[in-house]
Amino acid sequence: NPRKSRAERFAEAVDEVRAGQEAIVELRDELQEWRDNIPENLEDGEKAEQLDTAIDALTEFEEIEVEVDVEFPTMF
């Protein structure tokens, strides 16, 4: 098995980061659905506040750009 190039390893790492972001967005969407369906009498309660805080934090991950182009030098 020949060793993967740095560029190949970088591309795989970027794919993993993007997959992680997708998983985080799914979690955020689940929490948002929970928040949207919280009973009216609990909308101003602690659980709603916790959901809002978690949703905001997860949204920050979605907004991170992973558009990095790295040109690796060759050996010669």
PDB file of N, CA and C in Angstrom:
ATOM      1  N   ASN A   1       0.838  -1.199   0.000  1.00  0.00           N
ATOM      2  CA  ASN A   1       0.000   0.000   0.000  1.00  0.00           C
ATOM      3  C   ASN A   1       0.876   1.254   0.000  1.00  0.00           C
ATOM      4  N   PRO A   2       0.862   1.983  -1.085  1.00  0.00           N
ATOM      5  CA  PRO A   2       1.653   3.219  -1.089  1.00  0.00           C
ATOM      6  C   PRO A   2       1.047   4.246  -0.126  1.00  0.00           C
ATOM      7  N   ARG A   3       1.924   5.018   0.457  1.00  0.00           N
ATOM      8  CA  ARG A   3       1.490   6.034   1.405  1.00  0.00           C
ATOM      9  C   ARG A   3       0.721   7.123   0.670  1.00  0.00           C
ATOM     10  N   LYS A   4      -0.350   7.599   1.283  1.00  0.00           N
ATOM     11  CA  LYS A   4      -1.141   8.670   0.675  1.00  0.00           C
ATOM     12  C   LYS A   4      -0.356   9.970   0.698  1.00  0.00           C
ATOM     13  N   SER A   5      -0.592  10.768  -0.305  1.00  0.00           N
ATOM     14  CA  SER A   5       0.082  12.056  -0.370  1.00  0.00           C
ATOM     15  C   SER A   5      -0.492  13.001   0.679  1.00  0.00           C
ATOM     16  N   ARG A   6       0.221  14.051   0.962  1.00  0.00           N
ATOM     17  CA  ARG A   6      -0.272  15.062   1.903  1.00  0.00           C
ATOM     18  C   ARG A   6      -1.568  15.668   1.376  1.00  0.00           C
ATOM     19  N   ALA A   7      -1.625  15.920   0.092  1.00  0.00           N
ATOM     20  CA  ALA A   7      -2.831  16.501  -0.502  1.00  0.00           C
ATOM     21  C   ALA A   7      -4.029  15.564  -0.334  1.00  0.00           C
ATOM     22  N   GLU A   8      -3.804  14.259  -0.522  1.00  0.00           N
ATOM     23  CA  GLU A   8      -4.887  13.288  -0.333  1.00  0.00           C
ATOM     24  C   GLU A   8      -5.329  13.241   1.123  1.00  0.00           C
ATOM     25  N   ARG A   9      -4.367  13.242   2.030  1.00  0.00           N
ATOM     26  CA  ARG A   9      -4.696  13.220   3.457  1.00  0.00           C
ATOM     27  C   ARG A   9      -5.425  14.488   3.872  1.00  0.00           C
ATOM     28  N   PHE A  10      -5.012  15.628   3.314  1.00  0.00           N
ATOM     29  CA  PHE A  10      -5.686  16.895   3.605  1.00  0.00           C
ATOM     30  C   PHE A  10      -7.129  16.847   3.101  1.00  0.00           C
ATOM     31  N   ALA A  11      -7.327  16.365   1.869  1.00  0.00           N
ATOM     32  CA  ALA A  11      -8.676  16.281   1.309  1.00  0.00           C
ATOM     33  C   ALA A  11      -9.571  15.395   2.179  1.00  0.00           C
ATOM     34  N   GLU A  12      -9.023  14.284   2.668  1.00  0.00           N
ATOM     35  CA  GLU A  12      -9.794  13.405   3.552  1.00  0.00           C
ATOM     36  C   GLU A  12     -10.143  14.112   4.863  1.00  0.00           C
ATOM     37  N   ALA A  13      -9.193  14.861   5.403  1.00  0.00           N
ATOM     38  CA  ALA A  13      -9.443  15.583   6.654  1.00  0.00           C
ATOM     39  C   ALA A  13     -10.535  16.636   6.466  1.00  0.00           C
ATOM     40  N   VAL A  14     -10.490  17.349   5.336  1.00  0.00           N
ATOM     41  CA  VAL A  14     -11.521  18.353   5.053  1.00  0.00           C
ATOM     42  C   VAL A  14     -12.886  17.675   4.948  1.00  0.00           C
ATOM     43  N   ASP A  15     -12.939  16.524   4.282  1.00  0.00           N
ATOM     44  CA  ASP A  15     -14.201  15.777   4.187  1.00  0.00           C
ATOM     45  C   ASP A  15     -14.717  15.400   5.569  1.00  0.00           C
ATOM     46  N   GLU A  16     -13.809  15.004   6.462  1.00  0.00           N
ATOM     47  CA  GLU A  16     -14.214  14.644   7.820  1.00  0.00           C
ATOM     48  C   GLU A  16     -14.756  15.848   8.575  1.00  0.00           C
ATOM     49  N   VAL A  17     -14.124  17.002   8.381  1.00  0.00           N
ATOM     50  CA  VAL A  17     -14.607  18.224   9.029  1.00  0.00           C
ATOM     51  C   VAL A  17     -16.009  18.554   8.527  1.00  0.00           C
ATOM     52  N   ARG A  18     -16.203  18.463   7.227  1.00  0.00           N
ATOM     53  CA  ARG A  18     -17.526  18.757   6.653  1.00  0.00           C
ATOM     54  C   ARG A  18     -18.576  17.774   7.157  1.00  0.00           C
ATOM     55  N   ALA A  19     -18.208  16.498   7.266  1.00  0.00           N
ATOM     56  CA  ALA A  19     -19.138  15.498   7.793  1.00  0.00           C
ATOM     57  C   ALA A  19     -19.486  15.814   9.244  1.00  0.00           C
ATOM     58  N   GLY A  20     -18.489  16.263  10.000  1.00  0.00           N
ATOM     59  CA  GLY A  20     -18.746  16.661  11.382  1.00  0.00           C
ATOM     60  C   GLY A  20     -19.694  17.843  11.459  1.00  0.00           C
ATOM     61  N   GLN A  21     -19.495  18.800  10.562  1.00  0.00           N
ATOM     62  CA  GLN A  21     -20.396  19.956  10.535  1.00  0.00           C
ATOM     63  C   GLN A  21     -21.824  19.514  10.209  1.00  0.00           C
ATOM     64  N   GLU A  22     -21.967  18.592   9.263  1.00  0.00           N
ATOM     65  CA  GLU A  22     -23.302  18.107   8.918  1.00  0.00           C
ATOM     66  C   GLU A  22     -23.973  17.452  10.123  1.00  0.00           C
ATOM     67  N   ALA A  23     -23.219  16.682  10.887  1.00  0.00           N
ATOM     68  CA  ALA A  23     -23.763  16.032  12.081  1.00  0.00           C
ATOM     69  C   ALA A  23     -24.191  17.080  13.109  1.00  0.00           C
ATOM     70  N   ILE A  24     -23.394  18.133  13.246  1.00  0.00           N
ATOM     71  CA  ILE A  24     -23.723  19.204  14.186  1.00  0.00           C
ATOM     72  C   ILE A  24     -24.986  19.936  13.744  1.00  0.00           C
ATOM     73  N   VAL A  25     -25.122  20.172  12.451  1.00  0.00           N
ATOM     74  CA  VAL A  25     -26.319  20.837  11.923  1.00  0.00           C
ATOM     75  C   VAL A  25     -27.552  19.966  12.184  1.00  0.00           C
ATOM     76  N   GLU A  26     -27.412  18.646  12.023  1.00  0.00           N
ATOM     77  CA  GLU A  26     -28.535  17.749  12.312  1.00  0.00           C
ATOM     78  C   GLU A  26     -28.942  17.854  13.781  1.00  0.00           C
ATOM     79  N   LEU A  27     -27.951  17.881  14.670  1.00  0.00           N
ATOM     80  CA  LEU A  27     -28.245  18.032  16.098  1.00  0.00           C
ATOM     81  C   LEU A  27     -28.952  19.358  16.364  1.00  0.00           C
ATOM     82  N   ARG A  28     -28.437  20.421  15.747  1.00  0.00           N
ATOM     83  CA  ARG A  28     -29.049  21.737  15.925  1.00  0.00           C
ATOM     84  C   ARG A  28     -30.498  21.722  15.444  1.00  0.00           C
ATOM     85  N   ASP A  29     -30.742  21.090  14.296  1.00  0.00           N
ATOM     86  CA  ASP A  29     -32.103  21.017  13.763  1.00  0.00           C
ATOM     87  C   ASP A  29     -33.033  20.239  14.688  1.00  0.00           C
ATOM     88  N   GLU A  30     -32.512  19.168  15.307  1.00  0.00           N
ATOM     89  CA  GLU A  30     -33.316  18.404  16.274  1.00  0.00           C
ATOM     90  C   GLU A  30     -33.687  19.278  17.468  1.00  0.00           C
ATOM     91  N   LEU A  31     -32.708  20.020  17.977  1.00  0.00           N
ATOM     92  CA  LEU A  31     -33.000  20.899  19.114  1.00  0.00           C
ATOM     93  C   LEU A  31     -33.970  22.003  18.715  1.00  0.00           C
ATOM     94  N   GLN A  32     -33.819  22.525  17.499  1.00  0.00           N
ATOM     95  CA  GLN A  32     -34.725  23.577  17.039  1.00  0.00           C
ATOM     96  C   GLN A  32     -36.151  23.058  16.931  1.00  0.00           C
ATOM     97  N   GLU A  33     -36.295  21.821  16.451  1.00  0.00           N
ATOM     98  CA  GLU A  33     -37.633  21.216  16.374  1.00  0.00           C
ATOM     99  C   GLU A  33     -38.227  21.055  17.772  1.00  0.00           C
ATOM    100  N   TRP A  34     -37.395  20.605  18.709  1.00  0.00           N
ATOM    101  CA  TRP A  34     -37.830  20.473  20.103  1.00  0.00           C
ATOM    102  C   TRP A  34     -38.268  21.839  20.626  1.00  0.00           C
ATOM    103  N   ARG A  35     -37.445  22.857  20.367  1.00  0.00           N
ATOM    104  CA  ARG A  35     -37.749  24.216  20.849  1.00  0.00           C
ATOM    105  C   ARG A  35     -39.036  24.742  20.227  1.00  0.00           C
ATOM    106  N   ASP A  36     -39.222  24.489  18.938  1.00  0.00           N
ATOM    107  CA  ASP A  36     -40.426  24.959  18.235  1.00  0.00           C
ATOM    108  C   ASP A  36     -41.696  24.309  18.776  1.00  0.00           C
ATOM    109  N   ASN A  37     -41.555  23.125  19.356  1.00  0.00           N
ATOM    110  CA  ASN A  37     -42.723  22.379  19.829  1.00  0.00           C
ATOM    111  C   ASN A  37     -42.857  22.362  21.344  1.00  0.00           C
ATOM    112  N   ILE A  38     -42.078  23.187  22.019  1.00  0.00           N
ATOM    113  CA  ILE A  38     -42.168  23.235  23.476  1.00  0.00           C
ATOM    114  C   ILE A  38     -43.541  23.823  23.856  1.00  0.00           C
ATOM    115  N   PRO A  39     -44.176  23.263  24.853  1.00  0.00           N
ATOM    116  CA  PRO A  39     -45.496  23.775  25.249  1.00  0.00           C
ATOM    117  C   PRO A  39     -45.442  25.270  25.603  1.00  0.00           C
ATOM    118  N   GLU A  40     -46.509  25.949  25.285  1.00  0.00           N
ATOM    119  CA  GLU A  40     -46.575  27.406  25.480  1.00  0.00           C
ATOM    120  C   GLU A  40     -46.270  27.812  26.915  1.00  0.00           C
ATOM    121  N   ASN A  41     -46.711  27.014  27.871  1.00  0.00           N
ATOM    122  CA  ASN A  41     -46.496  27.383  29.277  1.00  0.00           C
ATOM    123  C   ASN A  41     -45.029  27.210  29.701  1.00  0.00           C
ATOM    124  N   LEU A  42     -44.190  26.605  28.851  1.00  0.00           N
ATOM    125  CA  LEU A  42     -42.777  26.416  29.170  1.00  0.00           C
ATOM    126  C   LEU A  42     -41.858  27.286  28.303  1.00  0.00           C
ATOM    127  N   GLU A  43     -42.438  28.096  27.422  1.00  0.00           N
ATOM    128  CA  GLU A  43     -41.635  28.875  26.481  1.00  0.00           C
ATOM    129  C   GLU A  43     -40.689  29.866  27.143  1.00  0.00           C
ATOM    130  N   ASP A  44     -40.991  30.302  28.338  1.00  0.00           N
ATOM    131  CA  ASP A  44     -40.125  31.247  29.029  1.00  0.00           C
ATOM    132  C   ASP A  44     -39.344  30.586  30.164  1.00  0.00           C
ATOM    133  N   GLY A  45     -39.364  29.269  30.193  1.00  0.00           N
ATOM    134  CA  GLY A  45     -38.723  28.556  31.296  1.00  0.00           C
ATOM    135  C   GLY A  45     -37.257  28.226  31.039  1.00  0.00           C
ATOM    136  N   GLU A  46     -36.681  27.556  32.022  1.00  0.00           N
ATOM    137  CA  GLU A  46     -35.263  27.204  31.980  1.00  0.00           C
ATOM    138  C   GLU A  46     -34.933  26.273  30.814  1.00  0.00           C
ATOM    139  N   LYS A  47     -35.808  25.302  30.536  1.00  0.00           N
ATOM    140  CA  LYS A  47     -35.543  24.361  29.447  1.00  0.00           C
ATOM    141  C   LYS A  47     -35.486  25.091  28.111  1.00  0.00           C
ATOM    142  N   ALA A  48     -36.385  26.027  27.888  1.00  0.00           N
ATOM    143  CA  ALA A  48     -36.374  26.794  26.642  1.00  0.00           C
ATOM    144  C   ALA A  48     -35.092  27.614  26.532  1.00  0.00           C
ATOM    145  N   GLU A  49     -34.646  28.173  27.638  1.00  0.00           N
ATOM    146  CA  GLU A  49     -33.408  28.955  27.661  1.00  0.00           C
ATOM    147  C   GLU A  49     -32.204  28.060  27.343  1.00  0.00           C
ATOM    148  N   GLN A  50     -32.196  26.861  27.912  1.00  0.00           N
ATOM    149  CA  GLN A  50     -31.113  25.911  27.634  1.00  0.00           C
ATOM    150  C   GLN A  50     -31.094  25.532  26.151  1.00  0.00           C
ATOM    151  N   LEU A  51     -32.286  25.306  25.601  1.00  0.00           N
ATOM    152  CA  LEU A  51     -32.371  24.973  24.181  1.00  0.00           C
ATOM    153  C   LEU A  51     -31.855  26.121  23.321  1.00  0.00           C
ATOM    154  N   ASP A  52     -32.265  27.345  23.645  1.00  0.00           N
ATOM    155  CA  ASP A  52     -31.809  28.512  22.879  1.00  0.00           C
ATOM    156  C   ASP A  52     -30.290  28.639  22.906  1.00  0.00           C
ATOM    157  N   THR A  53     -29.700  28.428  24.073  1.00  0.00           N
ATOM    158  CA  THR A  53     -28.250  28.530  24.217  1.00  0.00           C
ATOM    159  C   THR A  53     -27.547  27.454  23.383  1.00  0.00           C
ATOM    160  N   ALA A  54     -28.041  26.237  23.451  1.00  0.00           N
ATOM    161  CA  ALA A  54     -27.441  25.141  22.687  1.00  0.00           C
ATOM    162  C   ALA A  54     -27.595  25.365  21.185  1.00  0.00           C
ATOM    163  N   ILE A  55     -28.755  25.821  20.760  1.00  0.00           N
ATOM    164  CA  ILE A  55     -29.006  26.091  19.337  1.00  0.00           C
ATOM    165  C   ILE A  55     -28.056  27.169  18.837  1.00  0.00           C
ATOM    166  N   ASP A  56     -27.893  28.218  19.611  1.00  0.00           N
ATOM    167  CA  ASP A  56     -26.972  29.296  19.213  1.00  0.00           C
ATOM    168  C   ASP A  56     -25.545  28.783  19.082  1.00  0.00           C
ATOM    169  N   ALA A  57     -25.102  27.966  20.025  1.00  0.00           N
ATOM    170  CA  ALA A  57     -23.739  27.435  19.991  1.00  0.00           C
ATOM    171  C   ALA A  57     -23.534  26.527  18.779  1.00  0.00           C
ATOM    172  N   LEU A  58     -24.494  25.675  18.505  1.00  0.00           N
ATOM    173  CA  LEU A  58     -24.374  24.762  17.368  1.00  0.00           C
ATOM    174  C   LEU A  58     -24.446  25.509  16.043  1.00  0.00           C
ATOM    175  N   THR A  59     -25.185  26.605  16.008  1.00  0.00           N
ATOM    176  CA  THR A  59     -25.283  27.407  14.788  1.00  0.00           C
ATOM    177  C   THR A  59     -23.928  27.999  14.428  1.00  0.00           C
ATOM    178  N   GLU A  60     -23.116  28.323  15.427  1.00  0.00           N
ATOM    179  CA  GLU A  60     -21.785  28.865  15.161  1.00  0.00           C
ATOM    180  C   GLU A  60     -20.941  27.883  14.349  1.00  0.00           C
ATOM    181  N   PHE A  61     -21.077  26.583  14.617  1.00  0.00           N
ATOM    182  CA  PHE A  61     -20.328  25.579  13.862  1.00  0.00           C
ATOM    183  C   PHE A  61     -20.753  25.551  12.403  1.00  0.00           C
ATOM    184  N   GLU A  62     -22.044  25.735  12.177  1.00  0.00           N
ATOM    185  CA  GLU A  62     -22.548  25.707  10.804  1.00  0.00           C
ATOM    186  C   GLU A  62     -21.948  26.844   9.984  1.00  0.00           C
ATOM    187  N   GLU A  63     -21.655  27.948  10.640  1.00  0.00           N
ATOM    188  CA  GLU A  63     -21.198  29.136   9.934  1.00  0.00           C
ATOM    189  C   GLU A  63     -19.690  29.140   9.664  1.00  0.00           C
ATOM    190  N   ILE A  64     -18.963  28.160  10.185  1.00  0.00           N
ATOM    191  CA  ILE A  64     -17.524  28.083   9.944  1.00  0.00           C
ATOM    192  C   ILE A  64     -17.296  27.643   8.500  1.00  0.00           C
ATOM    193  N   GLU A  65     -16.508  28.400   7.783  1.00  0.00           N
ATOM    194  CA  GLU A  65     -16.198  28.080   6.391  1.00  0.00           C
ATOM    195  C   GLU A  65     -15.029  27.104   6.326  1.00  0.00           C
ATOM    196  N   VAL A  66     -15.156  26.088   5.501  1.00  0.00           N
ATOM    197  CA  VAL A  66     -14.102  25.105   5.331  1.00  0.00           C
ATOM    198  C   VAL A  66     -13.638  25.136   3.870  1.00  0.00           C
ATOM    199  N   GLU A  67     -13.408  26.313   3.385  1.00  0.00           N
ATOM    200  CA  GLU A  67     -12.946  26.487   2.010  1.00  0.00           C
ATOM    201  C   GLU A  67     -11.481  26.882   2.039  1.00  0.00           C
ATOM    202  N   VAL A  68     -10.635  25.907   2.261  1.00  0.00           N
ATOM    203  CA  VAL A  68      -9.195  26.137   2.359  1.00  0.00           C
ATOM    204  C   VAL A  68      -8.533  25.405   1.203  1.00  0.00           C
ATOM    205  N   ASP A  69      -7.694  26.109   0.495  1.00  0.00           N
ATOM    206  CA  ASP A  69      -6.951  25.500  -0.604  1.00  0.00           C
ATOM    207  C   ASP A  69      -5.481  25.524  -0.243  1.00  0.00           C
ATOM    208  N   VAL A  70      -4.910  24.357  -0.055  1.00  0.00           N
ATOM    209  CA  VAL A  70      -3.515  24.265   0.326  1.00  0.00           C
ATOM    210  C   VAL A  70      -2.750  23.615  -0.825  1.00  0.00           C
ATOM    211  N   GLU A  71      -1.698  24.264  -1.248  1.00  0.00           N
ATOM    212  CA  GLU A  71      -0.835  23.674  -2.272  1.00  0.00           C
ATOM    213  C   GLU A  71       0.419  23.175  -1.572  1.00  0.00           C
ATOM    214  N   PHE A  72       0.549  21.851  -1.552  1.00  0.00           N
ATOM    215  CA  PHE A  72       1.679  21.241  -0.878  1.00  0.00           C
ATOM    216  C   PHE A  72       2.896  21.238  -1.800  1.00  0.00           C
ATOM    217  N   PRO A  73       4.069  21.577  -1.279  1.00  0.00           N
ATOM    218  CA  PRO A  73       5.275  21.552  -2.113  1.00  0.00           C
ATOM    219  C   PRO A  73       5.663  20.113  -2.450  1.00  0.00           C
ATOM    220  N   THR A  74       6.273  19.952  -3.595  1.00  0.00           N
ATOM    221  CA  THR A  74       6.784  18.629  -3.981  1.00  0.00           C
ATOM    222  C   THR A  74       8.183  18.455  -3.409  1.00  0.00           C
ATOM    223  N   MET A  75       8.639  17.230  -3.384  1.00  0.00           N
ATOM    224  CA  MET A  75       9.959  16.945  -2.824  1.00  0.00           C
ATOM    225  C   MET A  75      11.085  17.532  -3.688  1.00  0.00           C
ATOM    226  N   PHE A  76      10.855  17.593  -5.007  1.00  0.00           N
ATOM    227  CA  PHE A  76      11.916  18.050  -5.899  1.00  0.00           C
ATOM    228  C   PHE A  76      11.447  19.190  -6.771  1.00  0.00           C
TER     229      PHE A  76
END
